[in-house]
PDB file of N, CA and C in Angstrom:
ATOM      1  N   ILE A   1     147.814  77.396 101.813  1.00  0.00           N
ATOM      2  CA  ILE A   1     146.523  77.135 102.436  1.00  0.00           C
ATOM      3  C   ILE A   1     145.505  78.083 101.811  1.00  0.00           C
ATOM      4  N   TYR A   2     144.360  77.531 101.434  1.00  0.00           N
ATOM      5  CA  TYR A   2     143.290  78.303 100.814  1.00  0.00           C
ATOM      6  C   TYR A   2     142.547  79.092 101.878  1.00  0.00           C
ATOM      7  N   GLU A   3     142.376  80.387 101.633  1.00  0.00           N
ATOM      8  CA  GLU A   3     141.606  81.239 102.531  1.00  0.00           C
ATOM      9  C   GLU A   3     140.418  81.793 101.785  1.00  0.00           C
ATOM     10  N   ASN A   4     139.281  81.775 102.414  1.00  0.00           N
ATOM     11  CA  ASN A   4     138.072  82.320 101.834  1.00  0.00           C
ATOM     12  C   ASN A   4     138.003  83.811 102.170  1.00  0.00           C
ATOM     13  N   PRO A   5     138.023  84.704 101.174  1.00  0.00           N
ATOM     14  CA  PRO A   5     137.992  86.148 101.459  1.00  0.00           C
ATOM     15  C   PRO A   5     136.743  86.577 102.225  1.00  0.00           C
ATOM     16  N   ARG A   6     135.602  85.947 101.967  1.00  0.00           N
ATOM     17  CA  ARG A   6     134.381  86.313 102.686  1.00  0.00           C
ATOM     18  C   ARG A   6     134.505  85.978 104.166  1.00  0.00           C
ATOM     19  N   SER A   7     135.058  84.825 104.468  1.00  0.00           N
ATOM     20  CA  SER A   7     135.264  84.447 105.866  1.00  0.00           C
ATOM     21  C   SER A   7     136.241  85.397 106.540  1.00  0.00           C
ATOM     22  N   GLU A   8     137.260  85.820 105.798  1.00  0.00           N
ATOM     23  CA  GLU A   8     138.227  86.779 106.327  1.00  0.00           C
ATOM     24  C   GLU A   8     137.551  88.104 106.665  1.00  0.00           C
ATOM     25  N   ILE A   9     136.661  88.572 105.790  1.00  0.00           N
ATOM     26  CA  ILE A   9     135.951  89.826 106.034  1.00  0.00           C
ATOM     27  C   ILE A   9     135.078  89.711 107.276  1.00  0.00           C
ATOM     28  N   ILE A  10     134.327  88.633 107.386  1.00  0.00           N
ATOM     29  CA  ILE A  10     133.434  88.457 108.536  1.00  0.00           C
ATOM     30  C   ILE A  10     134.245  88.330 109.825  1.00  0.00           C
ATOM     31  N   GLU A  11     135.345  87.580 109.775  1.00  0.00           N
ATOM     32  CA  GLU A  11     136.187  87.422 110.962  1.00  0.00           C
ATOM     33  C   GLU A  11     136.810  88.755 111.372  1.00  0.00           C
ATOM     34  N   ASN A  12     137.316  89.520 110.413  1.00  0.00           N
ATOM     35  CA  ASN A  12     137.894  90.830 110.722  1.00  0.00           C
ATOM     36  C   ASN A  12     136.838  91.796 111.238  1.00  0.00           C
ATOM     37  N   ASN A  13     135.631  91.720 110.703  1.00  0.00           N
ATOM     38  CA  ASN A  13     134.544  92.555 111.199  1.00  0.00           C
ATOM     39  C   ASN A  13     134.250  92.218 112.656  1.00  0.00           C
ATOM     40  N   ASN A  14     134.138  90.940 112.947  1.00  0.00           N
ATOM     41  CA  ASN A  14     133.845  90.521 114.320  1.00  0.00           C
ATOM     42  C   ASN A  14     134.975  90.891 115.277  1.00  0.00           C
ATOM     43  N   ASN A  15     136.226  90.819 114.819  1.00  0.00           N
ATOM     44  CA  ASN A  15     137.363  91.179 115.673  1.00  0.00           C
ATOM     45  C   ASN A  15     137.434  92.674 115.944  1.00  0.00           C
ATOM     46  N   ASN A  16     136.876  93.493 115.046  1.00  0.00           N
ATOM     47  CA  ASN A  16     136.930  94.951 115.199  1.00  0.00           C
ATOM     48  C   ASN A  16     135.661  95.541 115.798  1.00  0.00           C
ATOM     49  N   LEU A  17     134.808  94.703 116.352  1.00  0.00           N
ATOM     50  CA  LEU A  17     133.580  95.215 116.949  1.00  0.00           C
ATOM     51  C   LEU A  17     133.875  95.904 118.279  1.00  0.00           C
ATOM     52  N   ASN A  18     133.272  97.042 118.463  1.00  0.00           N
ATOM     53  CA  ASN A  18     133.262  97.739 119.742  1.00  0.00           C
ATOM     54  C   ASN A  18     131.852  98.292 119.923  1.00  0.00           C
ATOM     55  N   LEU A  19     131.597  98.969 121.008  1.00  0.00           N
ATOM     56  CA  LEU A  19     130.239  99.440 121.287  1.00  0.00           C
ATOM     57  C   LEU A  19     129.735 100.364 120.180  1.00  0.00           C
ATOM     58  N   PHE A  20     130.577 101.270 119.706  1.00  0.00           N
ATOM     59  CA  PHE A  20     130.157 102.198 118.660  1.00  0.00           C
ATOM     60  C   PHE A  20     129.823 101.463 117.365  1.00  0.00           C
ATOM     61  N   SER A  21     130.687 100.521 116.958  1.00  0.00           N
ATOM     62  CA  SER A  21     130.428  99.820 115.697  1.00  0.00           C
ATOM     63  C   SER A  21     129.242  98.867 115.801  1.00  0.00           C
ATOM     64  N   ILE A  22     128.974  98.344 116.981  1.00  0.00           N
ATOM     65  CA  ILE A  22     127.786  97.502 117.150  1.00  0.00           C
ATOM     66  C   ILE A  22     126.531  98.345 116.979  1.00  0.00           C
ATOM     67  N   LEU A  23     126.524  99.534 117.559  1.00  0.00           N
ATOM     68  CA  LEU A  23     125.333 100.393 117.486  1.00  0.00           C
ATOM     69  C   LEU A  23     125.187 101.093 116.141  1.00  0.00           C
ATOM     70  N   PHE A  24     126.294 101.575 115.565  1.00  0.00           N
ATOM     71  CA  PHE A  24     126.207 102.427 114.382  1.00  0.00           C
ATOM     72  C   PHE A  24     126.926 101.887 113.151  1.00  0.00           C
ATOM     73  N   GLY A  25     127.563 100.744 113.247  1.00  0.00           N
ATOM     74  CA  GLY A  25     128.274 100.185 112.108  1.00  0.00           C
ATOM     75  C   GLY A  25     129.672 100.760 111.980  1.00  0.00           C
ATOM     76  N   HIS A  26     130.359 100.329 110.956  1.00  0.00           N
ATOM     77  CA  HIS A  26     131.720 100.790 110.689  1.00  0.00           C
ATOM     78  C   HIS A  26     131.670 101.932 109.676  1.00  0.00           C
ATOM     79  N   PRO A  27     132.698 102.781 109.641  1.00  0.00           N
ATOM     80  CA  PRO A  27     132.758 103.812 108.599  1.00  0.00           C
ATOM     81  C   PRO A  27     132.727 103.176 107.205  1.00  0.00           C
ATOM     82  N   LEU A  28     132.155 103.887 106.250  1.00  0.00           N
ATOM     83  CA  LEU A  28     131.976 103.329 104.907  1.00  0.00           C
ATOM     84  C   LEU A  28     133.293 103.031 104.205  1.00  0.00           C
ATOM     85  N   ASP A  29     134.378 103.690 104.592  1.00  0.00           N
ATOM     86  CA  ASP A  29     135.661 103.441 103.933  1.00  0.00           C
ATOM     87  C   ASP A  29     136.464 102.325 104.599  1.00  0.00           C
ATOM     88  N   THR A  30     135.862 101.627 105.563  1.00  0.00           N
ATOM     89  CA  THR A  30     136.548 100.524 106.234  1.00  0.00           C
ATOM     90  C   THR A  30     136.671  99.342 105.287  1.00  0.00           C
ATOM     91  N   ASN A  31     137.871  98.792 105.205  1.00  0.00           N
ATOM     92  CA  ASN A  31     138.131  97.629 104.355  1.00  0.00           C
ATOM     93  C   ASN A  31     138.612  96.497 105.259  1.00  0.00           C
ATOM     94  N   PHE A  32     137.897  95.378 105.253  1.00  0.00           N
ATOM     95  CA  PHE A  32     138.216  94.270 106.135  1.00  0.00           C
ATOM     96  C   PHE A  32     139.027  93.173 105.467  1.00  0.00           C
ATOM     97  N   SER A  33     139.400  93.361 104.219  1.00  0.00           N
ATOM     98  CA  SER A  33     140.170  92.334 103.515  1.00  0.00           C
ATOM     99  C   SER A  33     141.073  92.994 102.491  1.00  0.00           C
ATOM    100  N   ASP A  34     142.222  92.377 102.257  1.00  0.00           N
ATOM    101  CA  ASP A  34     143.131  92.875 101.226  1.00  0.00           C
ATOM    102  C   ASP A  34     142.691  92.453  99.835  1.00  0.00           C
ATOM    103  N   THR A  35     141.936  91.363  99.746  1.00  0.00           N
ATOM    104  CA  THR A  35     141.565  90.826  98.441  1.00  0.00           C
ATOM    105  C   THR A  35     140.228  91.341  97.939  1.00  0.00           C
ATOM    106  N   THR A  36     139.221  91.422  98.803  1.00  0.00           N
ATOM    107  CA  THR A  36     137.896  91.867  98.377  1.00  0.00           C
ATOM    108  C   THR A  36     137.146  92.449  99.563  1.00  0.00           C
ATOM    109  N   ASN A  37     136.144  93.241  99.287  1.00  0.00           N
ATOM    110  CA  ASN A  37     135.293  93.781 100.345  1.00  0.00           C
ATOM    111  C   ASN A  37     133.849  93.348 100.133  1.00  0.00           C
ATOM    112  N   ASN A  38     133.632  92.397  99.233  1.00  0.00           N
ATOM    113  CA  ASN A  38     132.296  91.934  98.902  1.00  0.00           C
ATOM    114  C   ASN A  38     131.977  90.682  99.708  1.00  0.00           C
ATOM    115  N   VAL A  39     131.021  90.792 100.632  1.00  0.00           N
ATOM    116  CA  VAL A  39     130.677  89.652 101.481  1.00  0.00           C
ATOM    117  C   VAL A  39     129.582  88.795 100.858  1.00  0.00           C
ATOM    118  N   HIS A  40     129.003  89.222  99.763  1.00  0.00           N
ATOM    119  CA  HIS A  40     127.951  88.492  99.058  1.00  0.00           C
ATOM    120  C   HIS A  40     126.761  88.180  99.956  1.00  0.00           C
ATOM    121  N   ASN A  41     126.458  89.078 100.871  1.00  0.00           N
ATOM    122  CA  ASN A  41     125.319  88.911 101.759  1.00  0.00           C
ATOM    123  C   ASN A  41     124.860  90.300 102.165  1.00  0.00           C
ATOM    124  N   SER A  42     123.668  90.693 101.715  1.00  0.00           N
ATOM    125  CA  SER A  42     123.166  92.032 101.993  1.00  0.00           C
ATOM    126  C   SER A  42     122.930  92.277 103.474  1.00  0.00           C
ATOM    127  N   PHE A  43     122.561  91.244 104.204  1.00  0.00           N
ATOM    128  CA  PHE A  43     122.268  91.412 105.621  1.00  0.00           C
ATOM    129  C   PHE A  43     123.538  91.714 106.418  1.00  0.00           C
ATOM    130  N   ILE A  44     124.620  90.993 106.119  1.00  0.00           N
ATOM    131  CA  ILE A  44     125.896  91.256 106.796  1.00  0.00           C
ATOM    132  C   ILE A  44     126.412  92.635 106.414  1.00  0.00           C
ATOM    133  N   LEU A  45     126.316  92.984 105.142  1.00  0.00           N
ATOM    134  CA  LEU A  45     126.769  94.294 104.687  1.00  0.00           C
ATOM    135  C   LEU A  45     125.969  95.415 105.348  1.00  0.00           C
ATOM    136  N   MET A  46     124.665  95.233 105.458  1.00  0.00           N
ATOM    137  CA  MET A  46     123.832  96.264 106.085  1.00  0.00           C
ATOM    138  C   MET A  46     124.205  96.424 107.559  1.00  0.00           C
ATOM    139  N   HIS A  47     124.478  95.324 108.259  1.00  0.00           N
ATOM    140  CA  HIS A  47     124.906  95.449 109.650  1.00  0.00           C
ATOM    141  C   HIS A  47     126.260  96.136 109.749  1.00  0.00           C
ATOM    142  N   MET A  48     127.173  95.835 108.827  1.00  0.00           N
ATOM    143  CA  MET A  48     128.477  96.494 108.839  1.00  0.00           C
ATOM    144  C   MET A  48     128.327  98.003 108.641  1.00  0.00           C
ATOM    145  N   ARG A  49     127.365  98.410 107.838  1.00  0.00           N
ATOM    146  CA  ARG A  49     127.216  99.830 107.520  1.00  0.00           C
ATOM    147  C   ARG A  49     126.323 100.590 108.482  1.00  0.00           C
ATOM    148  N   SER A  50     125.343  99.912 109.104  1.00  0.00           N
ATOM    149  CA  SER A  50     124.406 100.672 109.934  1.00  0.00           C
ATOM    150  C   SER A  50     124.275 100.159 111.355  1.00  0.00           C
ATOM    151  N   GLY A  51     124.916  99.074 111.705  1.00  0.00           N
ATOM    152  CA  GLY A  51     124.875  98.581 113.076  1.00  0.00           C
ATOM    153  C   GLY A  51     123.509  98.050 113.469  1.00  0.00           C
ATOM    154  N   LEU A  52     123.152  98.242 114.719  1.00  0.00           N
ATOM    155  CA  LEU A  52     121.890  97.711 115.226  1.00  0.00           C
ATOM    156  C   LEU A  52     120.662  98.413 114.658  1.00  0.00           C
ATOM    157  N   TRP A  53     120.846  99.554 114.030  1.00  0.00           N
ATOM    158  CA  TRP A  53     119.704 100.220 113.388  1.00  0.00           C
ATOM    159  C   TRP A  53     119.118  99.343 112.303  1.00  0.00           C
ATOM    160  N   PHE A  54     119.907  98.413 111.826  1.00  0.00           N
ATOM    161  CA  PHE A  54     119.428  97.467 110.831  1.00  0.00           C
ATOM    162  C   PHE A  54     118.295  96.604 111.387  1.00  0.00           C
ATOM    163  N   LEU A  55     118.265  96.405 112.704  1.00  0.00           N
ATOM    164  CA  LEU A  55     117.185  95.612 113.317  1.00  0.00           C
ATOM    165  C   LEU A  55     115.821  96.246 113.088  1.00  0.00           C
ATOM    166  N   LEU A  56     115.754  97.571 113.108  1.00  0.00           N
ATOM    167  CA  LEU A  56     114.475  98.239 112.811  1.00  0.00           C
ATOM    168  C   LEU A  56     114.007  97.907 111.404  1.00  0.00           C
ATOM    169  N   PHE A  57     114.950  97.879 110.485  1.00  0.00           N
ATOM    170  CA  PHE A  57     114.623  97.525 109.113  1.00  0.00           C
ATOM    171  C   PHE A  57     114.155  96.079 109.025  1.00  0.00           C
ATOM    172  N   LEU A  58     114.806  95.179 109.759  1.00  0.00           N
ATOM    173  CA  LEU A  58     114.395  93.768 109.753  1.00  0.00           C
ATOM    174  C   LEU A  58     113.002  93.583 110.344  1.00  0.00           C
ATOM    175  N   VAL A  59     112.657  94.372 111.347  1.00  0.00           N
ATOM    176  CA  VAL A  59     111.313  94.311 111.918  1.00  0.00           C
ATOM    177  C   VAL A  59     110.290  94.729 110.862  1.00  0.00           C
ATOM    178  N   LEU A  60     110.580  95.785 110.126  1.00  0.00           N
ATOM    179  CA  LEU A  60     109.678  96.237 109.064  1.00  0.00           C
ATOM    180  C   LEU A  60     109.556  95.187 107.963  1.00  0.00           C
ATOM    181  N   VAL A  61     110.643  94.545 107.608  1.00  0.00           N
ATOM    182  CA  VAL A  61     110.612  93.485 106.591  1.00  0.00           C
ATOM    183  C   VAL A  61     109.775  92.312 107.081  1.00  0.00           C
ATOM    184  N   THR A  62     109.978  91.906 108.321  1.00  0.00           N
ATOM    185  CA  THR A  62     109.212  90.786 108.885  1.00  0.00           C
ATOM    186  C   THR A  62     107.733  91.123 108.951  1.00  0.00           C
ATOM    187  N   TYR A  63     107.409  92.327 109.391  1.00  0.00           N
ATOM    188  CA  TYR A  63     106.010  92.763 109.441  1.00  0.00           C
ATOM    189  C   TYR A  63     105.380  92.730 108.047  1.00  0.00           C
ATOM    190  N   SER A  64     106.106  93.238 107.077  1.00  0.00           N
ATOM    191  CA  SER A  64     105.598  93.252 105.707  1.00  0.00           C
ATOM    192  C   SER A  64     105.390  91.836 105.170  1.00  0.00           C
ATOM    193  N   LEU A  65     106.343  90.955 105.438  1.00  0.00           N
ATOM    194  CA  LEU A  65     106.202  89.565 104.987  1.00  0.00           C
ATOM    195  C   LEU A  65     104.975  88.903 105.602  1.00  0.00           C
ATOM    196  N   LEU A  66     104.812  89.044 106.904  1.00  0.00           N
ATOM    197  CA  LEU A  66     103.676  88.413 107.577  1.00  0.00           C
ATOM    198  C   LEU A  66     102.343  88.986 107.105  1.00  0.00           C
ATOM    199  N   LYS A  67     102.286  90.296 106.969  1.00  0.00           N
ATOM    200  CA  LYS A  67     101.054  90.937 106.513  1.00  0.00           C
ATOM    201  C   LYS A  67     100.703  90.480 105.090  1.00  0.00           C
ATOM    202  N   ASN A  68     101.705  90.410 104.235  1.00  0.00           N
ATOM    203  CA  ASN A  68     101.461  89.985 102.855  1.00  0.00           C
ATOM    204  C   ASN A  68     101.135  88.502 102.762  1.00  0.00           C
ATOM    205  N   TYR A  69     101.661  87.706 103.663  1.00  0.00           N
ATOM    206  CA  TYR A  69     101.353  86.284 103.629  1.00  0.00           C
ATOM    207  C   TYR A  69      99.857  86.053 103.809  1.00  0.00           C
ATOM    208  N   PHE A  70      99.240  86.829 104.663  1.00  0.00           N
ATOM    209  CA  PHE A  70      97.824  86.644 104.934  1.00  0.00           C
ATOM    210  C   PHE A  70      96.915  87.445 104.006  1.00  0.00           C
ATOM    211  N   GLN A  71      97.426  88.517 103.388  1.00  0.00           N
ATOM    212  CA  GLN A  71      96.547  89.382 102.611  1.00  0.00           C
ATOM    213  C   GLN A  71      96.864  89.456 101.128  1.00  0.00           C
ATOM    214  N   ASN A  72      98.099  89.230 100.738  1.00  0.00           N
ATOM    215  CA  ASN A  72      98.455  89.389  99.328  1.00  0.00           C
ATOM    216  C   ASN A  72      99.593  88.429  98.986  1.00  0.00           C
ATOM    217  N   LYS A  73      99.242  87.279  98.469  1.00  0.00           N
ATOM    218  CA  LYS A  73     100.224  86.232  98.191  1.00  0.00           C
ATOM    219  C   LYS A  73     101.239  86.647  97.119  1.00  0.00           C
ATOM    220  N   LEU A  74     100.844  87.494  96.174  1.00  0.00           N
ATOM    221  CA  LEU A  74     101.771  87.927  95.131  1.00  0.00           C
ATOM    222  C   LEU A  74     102.901  88.778  95.717  1.00  0.00           C
ATOM    223  N   PHE A  75     102.554  89.771  96.553  1.00  0.00           N
ATOM    224  CA  PHE A  75     103.587  90.572  97.208  1.00  0.00           C
ATOM    225  C   PHE A  75     104.448  89.697  98.111  1.00  0.00           C
ATOM    226  N   PHE A  76     103.832  88.746  98.798  1.00  0.00           N
ATOM    227  CA  PHE A  76     104.583  87.841  99.659  1.00  0.00           C
ATOM    228  C   PHE A  76     105.622  87.073  98.850  1.00  0.00           C
ATOM    229  N   ALA A  77     105.229  86.527  97.715  1.00  0.00           N
ATOM    230  CA  ALA A  77     106.162  85.770  96.878  1.00  0.00           C
ATOM    231  C   ALA A  77     107.293  86.665  96.366  1.00  0.00           C
ATOM    232  N   CYS A  78     106.968  87.896  95.977  1.00  0.00           N
ATOM    233  CA  CYS A  78     107.998  88.832  95.503  1.00  0.00           C
ATOM    234  C   CYS A  78     108.993  89.167  96.611  1.00  0.00           C
ATOM    235  N   PHE A  79     108.478  89.480  97.803  1.00  0.00           N
ATOM    236  CA  PHE A  79     109.365  89.803  98.924  1.00  0.00           C
ATOM    237  C   PHE A  79     110.224  88.626  99.329  1.00  0.00           C
ATOM    238  N   LEU A  80     109.633  87.459  99.353  1.00  0.00           N
ATOM    239  CA  LEU A  80     110.392  86.273  99.738  1.00  0.00           C
ATOM    240  C   LEU A  80     111.515  86.013  98.739  1.00  0.00           C
ATOM    241  N   ALA A  81     111.232  86.172  97.461  1.00  0.00           N
ATOM    242  CA  ALA A  81     112.268  85.997  96.438  1.00  0.00           C
ATOM    243  C   ALA A  81     113.385  87.028  96.604  1.00  0.00           C
ATOM    244  N   LEU A  82     113.028  88.281  96.892  1.00  0.00           N
ATOM    245  CA  LEU A  82     114.035  89.318  97.096  1.00  0.00           C
ATOM    246  C   LEU A  82     114.875  89.062  98.342  1.00  0.00           C
ATOM    247  N   ILE A  83     114.243  88.588  99.399  1.00  0.00           N
ATOM    248  CA  ILE A  83     114.980  88.322 100.636  1.00  0.00           C
ATOM    249  C   ILE A  83     115.927  87.141 100.455  1.00  0.00           C
ATOM    250  N   ILE A  84     115.480  86.122  99.771  1.00  0.00           N
ATOM    251  CA  ILE A  84     116.378  84.993  99.494  1.00  0.00           C
ATOM    252  C   ILE A  84     117.552  85.462  98.638  1.00  0.00           C
ATOM    253  N   ARG A  85     117.276  86.312  97.667  1.00  0.00           N
ATOM    254  CA  ARG A  85     118.344  86.869  96.830  1.00  0.00           C
ATOM    255  C   ARG A  85     119.311  87.713  97.662  1.00  0.00           C
ATOM    256  N   ALA A  86     118.811  88.403  98.670  1.00  0.00           N
ATOM    257  CA  ALA A  86     119.659  89.251  99.509  1.00  0.00           C
ATOM    258  C   ALA A  86     120.690  88.441 100.280  1.00  0.00           C
ATOM    259  N   PHE A  87     120.396  87.172 100.559  1.00  0.00           N
ATOM    260  CA  PHE A  87     121.381  86.330 101.232  1.00  0.00           C
ATOM    261  C   PHE A  87     122.540  85.966 100.314  1.00  0.00           C
ATOM    262  N   LEU A  88     122.359  86.111  99.015  1.00  0.00           N
ATOM    263  CA  LEU A  88     123.367  85.670  98.052  1.00  0.00           C
ATOM    264  C   LEU A  88     124.093  86.804  97.354  1.00  0.00           C
ATOM    265  N   ASP A  89     123.668  88.035  97.569  1.00  0.00           N
ATOM    266  CA  ASP A  89     124.280  89.154  96.864  1.00  0.00           C
ATOM    267  C   ASP A  89     124.133  90.419  97.702  1.00  0.00           C
ATOM    268  N   THR A  90     124.809  91.472  97.305  1.00  0.00           N
ATOM    269  CA  THR A  90     124.768  92.733  98.064  1.00  0.00           C
ATOM    270  C   THR A  90     124.024  93.826  97.313  1.00  0.00           C
ATOM    271  N   THR A  91     123.176  93.481  96.378  1.00  0.00           N
ATOM    272  CA  THR A  91     122.521  94.505  95.558  1.00  0.00           C
ATOM    273  C   THR A  91     121.156  94.931  96.082  1.00  0.00           C
ATOM    274  N   ILE A  92     120.755  94.477  97.253  1.00  0.00           N
ATOM    275  CA  ILE A  92     119.418  94.816  97.741  1.00  0.00           C
ATOM    276  C   ILE A  92     119.456  95.907  98.803  1.00  0.00           C
ATOM    277  N   PHE A  93     120.317  95.781  99.798  1.00  0.00           N
ATOM    278  CA  PHE A  93     120.337  96.721 100.921  1.00  0.00           C
ATOM    279  C   PHE A  93     121.625  97.519 100.940  1.00  0.00           C
ATOM    280  N   ALA A  94     121.715  98.364 101.946  1.00  0.00           N
ATOM    281  CA  ALA A  94     122.949  99.076 102.309  1.00  0.00           C
ATOM    282  C   ALA A  94     123.441 100.032 101.238  1.00  0.00           C
ATOM    283  N   GLY A  95     122.543 100.822 100.689  1.00  0.00           N
ATOM    284  CA  GLY A  95     122.961 101.862  99.767  1.00  0.00           C
ATOM    285  C   GLY A  95     123.334 101.395  98.387  1.00  0.00           C
ATOM    286  N   SER A  96     122.829 100.256  98.000  1.00  0.00           N
ATOM    287  CA  SER A  96     123.138  99.770  96.662  1.00  0.00           C
ATOM    288  C   SER A  96     122.213 100.430  95.644  1.00  0.00           C
ATOM    289  N   SER A  97     122.295  99.985  94.428  1.00  0.00           N
ATOM    290  CA  SER A  97     121.492 100.576  93.367  1.00  0.00           C
ATOM    291  C   SER A  97     120.027 100.175  93.416  1.00  0.00           C
ATOM    292  N   PHE A  98     119.704  99.088  94.101  1.00  0.00           N
ATOM    293  CA  PHE A  98     118.354  98.563  94.032  1.00  0.00           C
ATOM    294  C   PHE A  98     117.598  98.587  95.355  1.00  0.00           C
ATOM    295  N   ASP A  99     118.171  99.169  96.400  1.00  0.00           N
ATOM    296  CA  ASP A  99     117.490  99.157  97.683  1.00  0.00           C
ATOM    297  C   ASP A  99     116.190  99.960  97.659  1.00  0.00           C
ATOM    298  N   PHE A 100     116.121 101.013  96.849  1.00  0.00           N
ATOM    299  CA  PHE A 100     114.903 101.814  96.803  1.00  0.00           C
ATOM    300  C   PHE A 100     113.726 101.017  96.241  1.00  0.00           C
ATOM    301  N   ILE A 101     113.984 100.080  95.338  1.00  0.00           N
ATOM    302  CA  ILE A 101     112.912  99.256  94.780  1.00  0.00           C
ATOM    303  C   ILE A 101     112.317  98.369  95.864  1.00  0.00           C
ATOM    304  N   PHE A 102     113.170  97.736  96.641  1.00  0.00           N
ATOM    305  CA  PHE A 102     112.703  96.866  97.719  1.00  0.00           C
ATOM    306  C   PHE A 102     111.921  97.665  98.758  1.00  0.00           C
ATOM    307  N   ILE A 103     112.445  98.811  99.175  1.00  0.00           N
ATOM    308  CA  ILE A 103     111.768  99.622 100.190  1.00  0.00           C
ATOM    309  C   ILE A 103     110.444 100.153  99.643  1.00  0.00           C
ATOM    310  N   TYR A 104     110.422 100.579  98.392  1.00  0.00           N
ATOM    311  CA  TYR A 104     109.175 101.060  97.795  1.00  0.00           C
ATOM    312  C   TYR A 104     108.117  99.953  97.772  1.00  0.00           C
ATOM    313  N   LEU A 105     108.486  98.766  97.320  1.00  0.00           N
ATOM    314  CA  LEU A 105     107.529  97.657  97.278  1.00  0.00           C
ATOM    315  C   LEU A 105     107.035  97.289  98.673  1.00  0.00           C
ATOM    316  N   MET A 106     107.921  97.315  99.635  1.00  0.00           N
ATOM    317  CA  MET A 106     107.543  96.969 100.997  1.00  0.00           C
ATOM    318  C   MET A 106     106.558  97.993 101.558  1.00  0.00           C
ATOM    319  N   LEU A 107     106.857  99.263 101.423  1.00  0.00           N
ATOM    320  CA  LEU A 107     105.961 100.301 101.940  1.00  0.00           C
ATOM    321  C   LEU A 107     104.651 100.356 101.161  1.00  0.00           C
ATOM    322  N   PHE A 108     104.716 100.158  99.851  1.00  0.00           N
ATOM    323  CA  PHE A 108     103.506 100.153  99.036  1.00  0.00           C
ATOM    324  C   PHE A 108     102.593  98.991  99.430  1.00  0.00           C
ATOM    325  N   SER A 109     103.163  97.827  99.691  1.00  0.00           N
ATOM    326  CA  SER A 109     102.341  96.691 100.074  1.00  0.00           C
ATOM    327  C   SER A 109     101.686  96.919 101.429  1.00  0.00           C
ATOM    328  N   ILE A 110     102.390  97.562 102.360  1.00  0.00           N
ATOM    329  CA  ILE A 110     101.783  97.872 103.660  1.00  0.00           C
ATOM    330  C   ILE A 110     100.639  98.857 103.467  1.00  0.00           C
ATOM    331  N   TYR A 111     100.838  99.863 102.612  1.00  0.00           N
ATOM    332  CA  TYR A 111      99.799 100.839 102.323  1.00  0.00           C
ATOM    333  C   TYR A 111      98.568 100.176 101.696  1.00  0.00           C
ATOM    334  N   ILE A 112      98.779  99.326 100.700  1.00  0.00           N
ATOM    335  CA  ILE A 112      97.678  98.641 100.027  1.00  0.00           C
ATOM    336  C   ILE A 112      96.936  97.744 100.997  1.00  0.00           C
ATOM    337  N   ASN A 113      97.667  96.996 101.821  1.00  0.00           N
ATOM    338  CA  ASN A 113      97.027  96.080 102.763  1.00  0.00           C
ATOM    339  C   ASN A 113      96.249  96.797 103.856  1.00  0.00           C
ATOM    340  N   ASN A 114      96.676  97.985 104.224  1.00  0.00           N
ATOM    341  CA  ASN A 114      95.948  98.758 105.240  1.00  0.00           C
ATOM    342  C   ASN A 114      94.677  99.393 104.686  1.00  0.00           C
ATOM    343  N   ARG A 115      94.627  99.609 103.383  1.00  0.00           N
ATOM    344  CA  ARG A 115      93.435 100.191 102.752  1.00  0.00           C
ATOM    345  C   ARG A 115      92.311  99.171 102.662  1.00  0.00           C
ATOM    346  N   CYS A 116      92.653  97.907 102.543  1.00  0.00           N
ATOM    347  CA  CYS A 116      91.629  96.862 102.344  1.00  0.00           C
ATOM    348  C   CYS A 116      90.968  96.476 103.643  1.00  0.00           C
TER     349      CYS A 116
END
């Protein structure tokens, strides 16, 4: 029977949820699969690593998207492309190599939009 490793990771994550892991995430050395630990989704990975604190980050992302939609279409298009990419890969959030670029662009766009 074919098993999808990503589904196994998500199912094992959900089965191991407790109050602490919901609020603060799982320890970084936690492995939810024997075959792979790559869920190919930055949002799921960020929740696994930081718990509900990730919601604060999502609020900031949503605020930035909405503000840019009305004030700066170029930043809006860039953020939307990055967010869509985040659903397909783990290179945007959760301590990856490229999360600082996304956070810098998001904060810079808020700064620029507040100056105008």
